[in-house]
Amino acid sequence: MQQIFTPFKPPARFWSKSWKSILQLIANGLFKSLLVISSYYWIKELAYMLRNEGQVKTQNIIYLLITAGLIVLLRLHERYIAEKMSQRYINTIRSSLLKRLMRASIRDIQNRTIGNLSSRLAGDLSAVKRWLSLGISRLITHTVLLAVTIFLIANINLYLGSVISFAIFTLVSMAMFIGNRLKKSIKKVRRNRIKIHSLLVERLSAIAMIRTMGKEGDEVNRINVQGKKLEGNIARQGIYLGLLRGVGEASAIILIALFYLVNGFSSIDLSIDEVTALISIILFLSSPIRELGRIQE
């Protein structure tokens, strides 16, 4: 039976083999959250000084620039750890598959085509690697970042934090729903590509026999049929990718509008400096919301 992996159901023994990398990703998310919290207070102080004294504190500007550089380094570290972790695990899987293939009977090997075997050892494993490198890292770092950011807003005002956290939960759920549809579309695209790859490998290895039998046109048409199916599935994949990107880009505007709505129709007493700093933090959340929707790719 074919086992389907999801971000919440990774391959066997994944956590036990990758716990050091997981801890590094958690630390990455916590450190990024610390930078976001620090940025809130630096921006708040800058807005206060600019509004009341007509000048800015150069030290805070330097801190924000350093923070921007550190965020770049943290993204680099996150991707490096994720890619290394996934490739290490894929090497283990490939080695196990090859050992099992070497021990299989000649009859079992002959029942499988060369194209199917090459697709299984290359295409399928690359898909698992992509999920491990992007899905796991996004799930860990962005969940930590959003949780700490919600805690920051709730610490400023509990009612506002509750409303914003509900909105973030709704947006993430919407992104994950679209991401689930995207996953099904990607599976169809991958299946079509594997079929085309298998057909090409098998037909190229038997091209002399095909020409002798005069079946060139039939074989080309068979591959073209798969190409048409691939074209339709890729178009649907583009729709879901566009929807997901749209939700991510619109999330910041939605959260800001909700923030002003709550601030206007309730007794929340926030200074202009706090409003400016909070909006700056909210603008930072659009990317994590969008990328959490893509963890099921």
Foldseek 3Di string as FASTA:
>chain_A
DDDDDFLVRADPCLCVVQVVLLVVLLVLLVVLLVLLLVLLVLLLQQVVCCVPVVDGDVVSVVSVVVSVVVNVVSVVVLLVSQLVSLVVVLVVVLVVVVVVVVPDDPVVVVVDAPLLVVCVSPVVSVVSSVLSSQQNSLVNNLVSNVVSLLVSVCVLPVVLSVVLVVLLVVLLVVLQVLLVVLLVLVVQLSVLVSVLSRLVVVCVVCVVVCVVVVCPVVSVVVSVVSVVSNVVSVVVSVVSLVVLLVSLQCSLVVSLVVSVVCVVPDPDDDDPSSNVSSSVSSNVSSVSSSSSSNSRD
